Amino acid sequence: KMQEAIDYFNRADLDFIIELGDMKDMPKSGDAAQTLRDLDRIEAIFRQFEGATYHALGNHDMDCLTKEEFLAHTRNAGRARGKAFYSFSEGGVRCIVLDANFNEDRTPYARGNFDWRKAYIPKEQIEWLNKELTKHSKEPTLVFLHQMLDSFSDVSKDLCVGNAEEVVAVLEQHKQVLAVFQGHHHPGHYSFRRGIHYLTLQGMIEQASPTSAYAIVEVEADGTIRVDGFRSCPDRVMER
């Protein structure tokens, strides 16, 4: 499934690609060496993309690994390399990647020391987010993370960041934020509030092969976002 997506992406004129977490899976009691071999295998296909690649950390990425181990075996482009949360600009769009893989006491997920239903973004990261948005107020902005921020919607709160309201309050203060792209909920989900779209993309693993899910996203000059979905991922137009 990953190979099909990368082959298609290489035929398209894309600025970058990003995966939204859970790149690999193994129980916390699993063998770290084995899961690293599995991660290396899928990452090698991901890196076949002929351009910039980025990752958002998912809870399963830390089932039996630390964040440092996962980041050492994956690659984010440029200054984002080795970072769990970061920002970059491509094609005139500012992109911000968040890391919600923290326990309620704000200790980081590591080797399965977490309940997947409890994810939080620390105060320091929220402050960094606000500074990034303030500094780059003129650039249309997309936000990416694994767990969901639209806890105000009809989605189960177990799937959402525990302090999502704090994060969303910051996003809504900055009018350049167009959309939040999320993973975690494999069937997918969509909501909208106060000028911001929240799109949870379907998981590639949601259905048996050959069914898959991946998409190309285009941001137009007027802020309209077009999602060209493949396989079971639907097309979508999200207007400003």
C-alpha atoms as a PDB file:
ATOM      1  CA  LYS A   1       0.000   0.000   0.000  1.00  0.00           C
ATOM      2  CA  MET A   2       2.771   2.437   0.867  1.00  0.00           C
ATOM      3  CA  GLN A   3       4.626   1.575  -2.340  1.00  0.00           C
ATOM      4  CA  GLU A   4       1.549   2.347  -4.433  1.00  0.00           C
ATOM      5  CA  ALA A   5       1.134   5.725  -2.750  1.00  0.00           C
ATOM      6  CA  ILE A   6       4.800   6.695  -3.102  1.00  0.00           C
ATOM      7  CA  ASP A   7       4.896   5.655  -6.750  1.00  0.00           C
ATOM      8  CA  TYR A   8       1.883   7.878  -7.420  1.00  0.00           C
ATOM      9  CA  PHE A   9       3.285  10.775  -5.419  1.00  0.00           C
ATOM     10  CA  ASN A  10       6.507  10.634  -7.443  1.00  0.00           C
ATOM     11  CA  ARG A  11       4.500  11.080 -10.630  1.00  0.00           C
ATOM     12  CA  ALA A  12       2.773  14.155  -9.216  1.00  0.00           C
ATOM     13  CA  ASP A  13       4.250  17.634  -8.712  1.00  0.00           C
ATOM     14  CA  LEU A  14       4.239  17.728  -4.894  1.00  0.00           C
ATOM     15  CA  ASP A  15       6.033  20.048  -2.474  1.00  0.00           C
ATOM     16  CA  PHE A  16       6.306  17.390   0.264  1.00  0.00           C
ATOM     17  CA  ILE A  17       4.623  14.355   1.792  1.00  0.00           C
ATOM     18  CA  ILE A  18       3.699  13.740   5.435  1.00  0.00           C
ATOM     19  CA  GLU A  19       2.388  10.712   7.314  1.00  0.00           C
ATOM     20  CA  LEU A  20       0.136  11.303  10.298  1.00  0.00           C
ATOM     21  CA  GLY A  21       1.432   8.766  12.793  1.00  0.00           C
ATOM     22  CA  ASP A  22       1.344   5.069  13.652  1.00  0.00           C
ATOM     23  CA  MET A  23       3.958   4.324  11.028  1.00  0.00           C
ATOM     24  CA  LYS A  24       4.459   0.983  12.776  1.00  0.00           C
ATOM     25  CA  ASP A  25       2.731  -1.129  15.415  1.00  0.00           C
ATOM     26  CA  MET A  26       3.811  -3.614  18.084  1.00  0.00           C
ATOM     27  CA  PRO A  27       2.666  -4.282  21.670  1.00  0.00           C
ATOM     28  CA  LYS A  28       4.600  -2.584  24.452  1.00  0.00           C
ATOM     29  CA  SER A  29       5.825  -6.048  25.400  1.00  0.00           C
ATOM     30  CA  GLY A  30       7.171  -6.529  21.871  1.00  0.00           C
ATOM     31  CA  ASP A  31      10.771  -6.784  20.811  1.00  0.00           C
ATOM     32  CA  ALA A  32      12.319  -3.352  20.158  1.00  0.00           C
ATOM     33  CA  ALA A  33      14.856  -4.726  17.689  1.00  0.00           C
ATOM     34  CA  GLN A  34      12.116  -6.371  15.643  1.00  0.00           C
ATOM     35  CA  THR A  35       9.908  -3.284  15.544  1.00  0.00           C
ATOM     36  CA  LEU A  36      12.895  -1.176  14.477  1.00  0.00           C
ATOM     37  CA  ARG A  37      13.495  -3.580  11.605  1.00  0.00           C
ATOM     38  CA  ASP A  38       9.829  -3.238  10.631  1.00  0.00           C
ATOM     39  CA  LEU A  39      10.081   0.547  10.897  1.00  0.00           C
ATOM     40  CA  ASP A  40      13.232   0.619   8.762  1.00  0.00           C
ATOM     41  CA  ARG A  41      11.452  -1.423   6.111  1.00  0.00           C
ATOM     42  CA  ILE A  42       8.446   0.901   5.792  1.00  0.00           C
ATOM     43  CA  GLU A  43      10.587   4.038   6.166  1.00  0.00           C
ATOM     44  CA  ALA A  44      12.772   2.876   3.268  1.00  0.00           C
ATOM     45  CA  ILE A  45       9.692   2.864   1.025  1.00  0.00           C
ATOM     46  CA  PHE A  46       8.557   6.239   2.379  1.00  0.00           C
ATOM     47  CA  ARG A  47      11.972   7.736   1.548  1.00  0.00           C
ATOM     48  CA  GLN A  48      11.627   6.691  -2.076  1.00  0.00           C
ATOM     49  CA  PHE A  49       9.627   9.885  -2.479  1.00  0.00           C
ATOM     50  CA  GLU A  50      11.700  12.284  -4.553  1.00  0.00           C
ATOM     51  CA  GLY A  51      11.238  15.270  -2.280  1.00  0.00           C
ATOM     52  CA  ALA A  52      10.828  16.358   1.339  1.00  0.00           C
ATOM     53  CA  THR A  53       9.323  13.847   3.783  1.00  0.00           C
ATOM     54  CA  TYR A  54       7.846  14.502   7.224  1.00  0.00           C
ATOM     55  CA  HIS A  55       6.380  12.513  10.120  1.00  0.00           C
ATOM     56  CA  ALA A  56       3.848  13.223  12.880  1.00  0.00           C
ATOM     57  CA  LEU A  57       4.290  10.944  15.884  1.00  0.00           C
ATOM     58  CA  GLY A  58       1.488   8.498  16.667  1.00  0.00           C
ATOM     59  CA  ASN A  59       0.865   6.559  19.879  1.00  0.00           C
ATOM     60  CA  HIS A  60       1.769   3.193  18.314  1.00  0.00           C
ATOM     61  CA  ASP A  61       5.147   4.608  17.318  1.00  0.00           C
ATOM     62  CA  MET A  62       6.049   4.483  21.031  1.00  0.00           C
ATOM     63  CA  ASP A  63       4.521   1.108  21.906  1.00  0.00           C
ATOM     64  CA  CYS A  64       7.905  -0.417  22.648  1.00  0.00           C
ATOM     65  CA  LEU A  65      10.217   2.427  21.595  1.00  0.00           C
ATOM     66  CA  THR A  66      11.145   5.857  22.864  1.00  0.00           C
ATOM     67  CA  LYS A  67      10.545   8.942  20.757  1.00  0.00           C
ATOM     68  CA  GLU A  68      14.287   9.301  20.345  1.00  0.00           C
ATOM     69  CA  GLU A  69      14.545   5.790  18.916  1.00  0.00           C
ATOM     70  CA  PHE A  70      11.687   6.380  16.492  1.00  0.00           C
ATOM     71  CA  LEU A  71      13.114   9.701  15.330  1.00  0.00           C
ATOM     72  CA  ALA A  72      16.551   8.166  14.845  1.00  0.00           C
ATOM     73  CA  HIS A  73      15.083   5.673  12.377  1.00  0.00           C
ATOM     74  CA  THR A  74      12.948   8.150  10.413  1.00  0.00           C
ATOM     75  CA  ARG A  75      13.747  11.362   8.595  1.00  0.00           C
ATOM     76  CA  ASN A  76      12.115  14.758   8.546  1.00  0.00           C
ATOM     77  CA  ALA A  77      13.453  17.200   5.974  1.00  0.00           C
ATOM     78  CA  GLY A  78      15.680  20.169   6.774  1.00  0.00           C
ATOM     79  CA  ARG A  79      15.595  21.696  10.233  1.00  0.00           C
ATOM     80  CA  ALA A  80      12.772  19.370  11.291  1.00  0.00           C
ATOM     81  CA  ARG A  81      15.089  16.367  11.335  1.00  0.00           C
ATOM     82  CA  GLY A  82      15.079  14.632  14.714  1.00  0.00           C
ATOM     83  CA  LYS A  83      12.206  16.764  16.059  1.00  0.00           C
ATOM     84  CA  ALA A  84       8.830  15.585  17.352  1.00  0.00           C
ATOM     85  CA  PHE A  85       7.140  18.970  16.828  1.00  0.00           C
ATOM     86  CA  TYR A  86       8.300  21.557  14.329  1.00  0.00           C
ATOM     87  CA  SER A  87       7.302  23.948  11.552  1.00  0.00           C
ATOM     88  CA  PHE A  88       8.324  24.565   7.959  1.00  0.00           C
ATOM     89  CA  SER A  89       7.157  26.431   4.855  1.00  0.00           C
ATOM     90  CA  GLU A  90       6.527  24.878   1.461  1.00  0.00           C
ATOM     91  CA  GLY A  91       4.825  26.365  -1.587  1.00  0.00           C
ATOM     92  CA  GLY A  92       3.865  29.544   0.264  1.00  0.00           C
ATOM     93  CA  VAL A  93       2.080  27.624   3.039  1.00  0.00           C
ATOM     94  CA  ARG A  94       3.212  27.421   6.668  1.00  0.00           C
ATOM     95  CA  CYS A  95       2.980  23.923   8.133  1.00  0.00           C
ATOM     96  CA  ILE A  96       3.032  23.177  11.855  1.00  0.00           C
ATOM     97  CA  VAL A  97       3.402  19.633  13.174  1.00  0.00           C
ATOM     98  CA  LEU A  98       2.377  18.971  16.792  1.00  0.00           C
ATOM     99  CA  ASP A  99       3.178  16.123  19.181  1.00  0.00           C
ATOM    100  CA  ALA A 100       0.353  15.109  21.545  1.00  0.00           C
ATOM    101  CA  ASN A 101       2.055  11.944  22.769  1.00  0.00           C
ATOM    102  CA  PHE A 102       2.289  12.940  26.425  1.00  0.00           C
ATOM    103  CA  ASN A 103       0.605  11.548  29.531  1.00  0.00           C
ATOM    104  CA  GLU A 104      -1.644  13.598  31.790  1.00  0.00           C
ATOM    105  CA  ASP A 105       1.375  14.496  33.951  1.00  0.00           C
ATOM    106  CA  ARG A 106       3.097  15.591  30.697  1.00  0.00           C
ATOM    107  CA  THR A 107       5.684  12.830  30.728  1.00  0.00           C
ATOM    108  CA  PRO A 108       6.377  11.658  27.174  1.00  0.00           C
ATOM    109  CA  TYR A 109       5.067   8.400  25.786  1.00  0.00           C
ATOM    110  CA  ALA A 110       7.824   5.770  25.840  1.00  0.00           C
ATOM    111  CA  ARG A 111       7.802   1.966  25.616  1.00  0.00           C
ATOM    112  CA  GLY A 112       4.068   1.672  26.195  1.00  0.00           C
ATOM    113  CA  ASN A 113       3.877   3.774  29.386  1.00  0.00           C
ATOM    114  CA  PHE A 114       0.574   5.299  28.287  1.00  0.00           C
ATOM    115  CA  ASP A 115      -3.162   4.837  27.793  1.00  0.00           C
ATOM    116  CA  TRP A 116      -3.935   5.702  24.152  1.00  0.00           C
ATOM    117  CA  ARG A 117      -7.144   7.394  25.286  1.00  0.00           C
ATOM    118  CA  LYS A 118      -5.152   9.994  27.229  1.00  0.00           C
ATOM    119  CA  ALA A 119      -3.009  12.321  25.129  1.00  0.00           C
ATOM    120  CA  TYR A 120      -1.924  15.848  25.991  1.00  0.00           C
ATOM    121  CA  ILE A 121       0.071  18.713  24.528  1.00  0.00           C
ATOM    122  CA  PRO A 122       2.340  20.350  27.134  1.00  0.00           C
ATOM    123  CA  LYS A 123       2.092  24.035  28.002  1.00  0.00           C
ATOM    124  CA  GLU A 124       5.530  24.750  26.532  1.00  0.00           C
ATOM    125  CA  GLN A 125       4.487  23.345  23.153  1.00  0.00           C
ATOM    126  CA  ILE A 126       1.258  25.380  23.167  1.00  0.00           C
ATOM    127  CA  GLU A 127       3.281  28.522  23.906  1.00  0.00           C
ATOM    128  CA  TRP A 128       5.621  27.644  21.032  1.00  0.00           C
ATOM    129  CA  LEU A 129       2.577  27.149  18.763  1.00  0.00           C
ATOM    130  CA  ASN A 130       1.245  30.598  19.629  1.00  0.00           C
ATOM    131  CA  LYS A 131       4.642  32.201  18.943  1.00  0.00           C
ATOM    132  CA  GLU A 132       4.904  30.429  15.587  1.00  0.00           C
ATOM    133  CA  LEU A 133       1.460  31.608  14.540  1.00  0.00           C
ATOM    134  CA  THR A 134       2.151  35.150  15.705  1.00  0.00           C
ATOM    135  CA  LYS A 135       5.496  35.287  13.889  1.00  0.00           C
ATOM    136  CA  HIS A 136       4.085  33.946  10.613  1.00  0.00           C
ATOM    137  CA  SER A 137       0.698  35.671  10.633  1.00  0.00           C
ATOM    138  CA  LYS A 138       0.748  36.431   6.892  1.00  0.00           C
ATOM    139  CA  GLU A 139       1.204  32.839   5.715  1.00  0.00           C
ATOM    140  CA  PRO A 140      -1.774  30.517   5.206  1.00  0.00           C
ATOM    141  CA  THR A 141      -1.237  27.738   7.751  1.00  0.00           C
ATOM    142  CA  LEU A 142      -1.958  24.035   8.035  1.00  0.00           C
ATOM    143  CA  VAL A 143      -1.591  22.084  11.285  1.00  0.00           C
ATOM    144  CA  PHE A 144      -0.777  18.359  11.420  1.00  0.00           C
ATOM    145  CA  LEU A 145      -0.896  15.885  14.312  1.00  0.00           C
ATOM    146  CA  HIS A 146      -1.900  12.300  15.065  1.00  0.00           C
ATOM    147  CA  GLN A 147      -4.590  12.578  17.745  1.00  0.00           C
ATOM    148  CA  MET A 148      -7.659  14.718  17.150  1.00  0.00           C
ATOM    149  CA  LEU A 149      -8.285  18.315  18.245  1.00  0.00           C
ATOM    150  CA  ASP A 150     -11.993  18.619  17.377  1.00  0.00           C
ATOM    151  CA  SER A 151     -13.309  17.456  20.728  1.00  0.00           C
ATOM    152  CA  PHE A 152     -16.167  19.929  20.204  1.00  0.00           C
ATOM    153  CA  SER A 153     -17.546  17.669  17.453  1.00  0.00           C
ATOM    154  CA  ASP A 154     -19.466  14.391  17.606  1.00  0.00           C
ATOM    155  CA  VAL A 155     -16.305  12.258  17.733  1.00  0.00           C
ATOM    156  CA  SER A 156     -15.484  10.199  20.833  1.00  0.00           C
ATOM    157  CA  LYS A 157     -13.472  12.174  23.381  1.00  0.00           C
ATOM    158  CA  ASP A 158     -11.232   9.102  23.772  1.00  0.00           C
ATOM    159  CA  LEU A 159      -9.806   9.925  20.336  1.00  0.00           C
ATOM    160  CA  CYS A 160      -9.074  13.554  21.155  1.00  0.00           C
ATOM    161  CA  VAL A 161      -6.253  15.399  22.841  1.00  0.00           C
ATOM    162  CA  GLY A 162      -7.162  15.812  26.514  1.00  0.00           C
ATOM    163  CA  ASN A 163      -6.470  19.553  26.496  1.00  0.00           C
ATOM    164  CA  ALA A 164      -7.644  20.095  22.924  1.00  0.00           C
ATOM    165  CA  GLU A 165      -9.732  23.116  23.939  1.00  0.00           C
ATOM    166  CA  GLU A 166      -6.563  24.984  24.952  1.00  0.00           C
ATOM    167  CA  VAL A 167      -4.922  24.268  21.625  1.00  0.00           C
ATOM    168  CA  VAL A 168      -8.009  25.101  19.563  1.00  0.00           C
ATOM    169  CA  ALA A 169      -8.396  28.395  21.457  1.00  0.00           C
ATOM    170  CA  VAL A 170      -4.911  29.359  20.269  1.00  0.00           C
ATOM    171  CA  LEU A 171      -5.623  28.331  16.683  1.00  0.00           C
ATOM    172  CA  GLU A 172      -8.834  30.359  16.598  1.00  0.00           C
ATOM    173  CA  GLN A 173      -6.946  33.493  17.603  1.00  0.00           C
ATOM    174  CA  HIS A 174      -4.974  33.359  14.344  1.00  0.00           C
ATOM    175  CA  LYS A 175      -7.042  33.874  11.215  1.00  0.00           C
ATOM    176  CA  GLN A 176      -4.409  32.439   8.878  1.00  0.00           C
ATOM    177  CA  VAL A 177      -5.065  28.898  10.146  1.00  0.00           C
ATOM    178  CA  LEU A 178      -6.972  27.104   7.394  1.00  0.00           C
ATOM    179  CA  ALA A 179      -7.129  23.476   8.506  1.00  0.00           C
ATOM    180  CA  VAL A 180      -5.969  20.769  10.884  1.00  0.00           C
ATOM    181  CA  PHE A 181      -5.072  17.362   9.408  1.00  0.00           C
ATOM    182  CA  GLN A 182      -5.291  14.404  11.802  1.00  0.00           C
ATOM    183  CA  GLY A 183      -4.876  10.617  11.944  1.00  0.00           C
ATOM    184  CA  HIS A 184      -5.658   8.200  14.819  1.00  0.00           C
ATOM    185  CA  HIS A 185      -9.338   7.556  13.951  1.00  0.00           C
ATOM    186  CA  HIS A 186      -8.943   5.110  11.078  1.00  0.00           C
ATOM    187  CA  PRO A 187     -12.449   5.493   9.531  1.00  0.00           C
ATOM    188  CA  GLY A 188     -11.872   9.242   9.102  1.00  0.00           C
ATOM    189  CA  HIS A 189     -13.843  12.275  10.297  1.00  0.00           C
ATOM    190  CA  TYR A 190     -14.587  15.889   9.399  1.00  0.00           C
ATOM    191  CA  SER A 191     -15.708  18.925  11.354  1.00  0.00           C
ATOM    192  CA  PHE A 192     -15.578  22.704  11.022  1.00  0.00           C
ATOM    193  CA  ARG A 193     -15.630  25.559  13.493  1.00  0.00           C
ATOM    194  CA  ARG A 194     -14.855  29.283  13.314  1.00  0.00           C
ATOM    195  CA  GLY A 195     -13.092  29.219   9.985  1.00  0.00           C
ATOM    196  CA  ILE A 196     -10.964  26.104  10.579  1.00  0.00           C
ATOM    197  CA  HIS A 197     -11.481  22.708   8.941  1.00  0.00           C
ATOM    198  CA  TYR A 198     -10.601  19.574  10.924  1.00  0.00           C
ATOM    199  CA  LEU A 199     -10.037  16.630   8.589  1.00  0.00           C
ATOM    200  CA  THR A 200      -9.120  13.181   9.882  1.00  0.00           C
ATOM    201  CA  LEU A 201      -7.848  11.132   6.971  1.00  0.00           C
ATOM    202  CA  GLN A 202      -8.714   7.470   6.677  1.00  0.00           C
ATOM    203  CA  GLY A 203      -6.037   5.049   7.800  1.00  0.00           C
ATOM    204  CA  MET A 204      -4.198   3.142   5.095  1.00  0.00           C
ATOM    205  CA  ILE A 205      -4.687  -0.004   7.201  1.00  0.00           C
ATOM    206  CA  GLU A 206      -8.428   0.468   7.792  1.00  0.00           C
ATOM    207  CA  GLN A 207      -9.447  -2.093   5.162  1.00  0.00           C
ATOM    208  CA  ALA A 208      -7.781  -5.179   3.734  1.00  0.00           C
ATOM    209  CA  SER A 209      -5.619  -4.918   0.614  1.00  0.00           C
ATOM    210  CA  PRO A 210      -6.004  -3.843  -2.133  1.00  0.00           C
ATOM    211  CA  THR A 211      -8.188  -1.166  -0.521  1.00  0.00           C
ATOM    212  CA  SER A 212      -6.042   1.676   0.787  1.00  0.00           C
ATOM    213  CA  ALA A 213      -6.307   5.399   1.523  1.00  0.00           C
ATOM    214  CA  TYR A 214      -4.052   8.321   0.665  1.00  0.00           C
ATOM    215  CA  ALA A 215      -4.543  11.814  -0.678  1.00  0.00           C
ATOM    216  CA  ILE A 216      -3.025  14.854  -2.350  1.00  0.00           C
ATOM    217  CA  VAL A 217      -3.909  18.213  -0.808  1.00  0.00           C
ATOM    218  CA  GLU A 218      -3.781  21.507  -2.697  1.00  0.00           C
ATOM    219  CA  VAL A 219      -4.119  24.956  -1.119  1.00  0.00           C
ATOM    220  CA  GLU A 220      -5.369  27.589  -3.528  1.00  0.00           C
ATOM    221  CA  ALA A 221      -4.613  31.306  -3.381  1.00  0.00           C
ATOM    222  CA  ASP A 222      -8.013  32.153  -1.881  1.00  0.00           C
ATOM    223  CA  GLY A 223      -7.582  29.610   0.940  1.00  0.00           C
ATOM    224  CA  THR A 224      -9.718  26.898  -0.622  1.00  0.00           C
ATOM    225  CA  ILE A 225      -8.322  23.420   0.104  1.00  0.00           C
ATOM    226  CA  ARG A 226      -8.849  20.614  -2.402  1.00  0.00           C
ATOM    227  CA  VAL A 227      -8.372  17.030  -1.273  1.00  0.00           C
ATOM    228  CA  ASP A 228      -7.849  14.538  -4.100  1.00  0.00           C
ATOM    229  CA  GLY A 229      -8.436  11.187  -2.426  1.00  0.00           C
ATOM    230  CA  PHE A 230      -7.355   7.779  -3.689  1.00  0.00           C
ATOM    231  CA  ARG A 231      -8.807   4.325  -3.100  1.00  0.00           C
ATOM    232  CA  SER A 232     -11.244   4.649  -0.154  1.00  0.00           C
ATOM    233  CA  CYS A 233     -10.260   8.246   0.691  1.00  0.00           C
ATOM    234  CA  PRO A 234     -13.006  10.585  -0.618  1.00  0.00           C
ATOM    235  CA  ASP A 235     -12.406  13.802  -2.534  1.00  0.00           C
ATOM    236  CA  ARG A 236     -13.296  16.947  -0.656  1.00  0.00           C
ATOM    237  CA  VAL A 237     -13.375  20.722  -1.255  1.00  0.00           C
ATOM    238  CA  MET A 238     -12.967  22.808   1.903  1.00  0.00           C
ATOM    239  CA  GLU A 239     -13.714  26.455   1.232  1.00  0.00           C
ATOM    240  CA  ARG A 240     -12.310  29.332   3.234  1.00  0.00           C
END
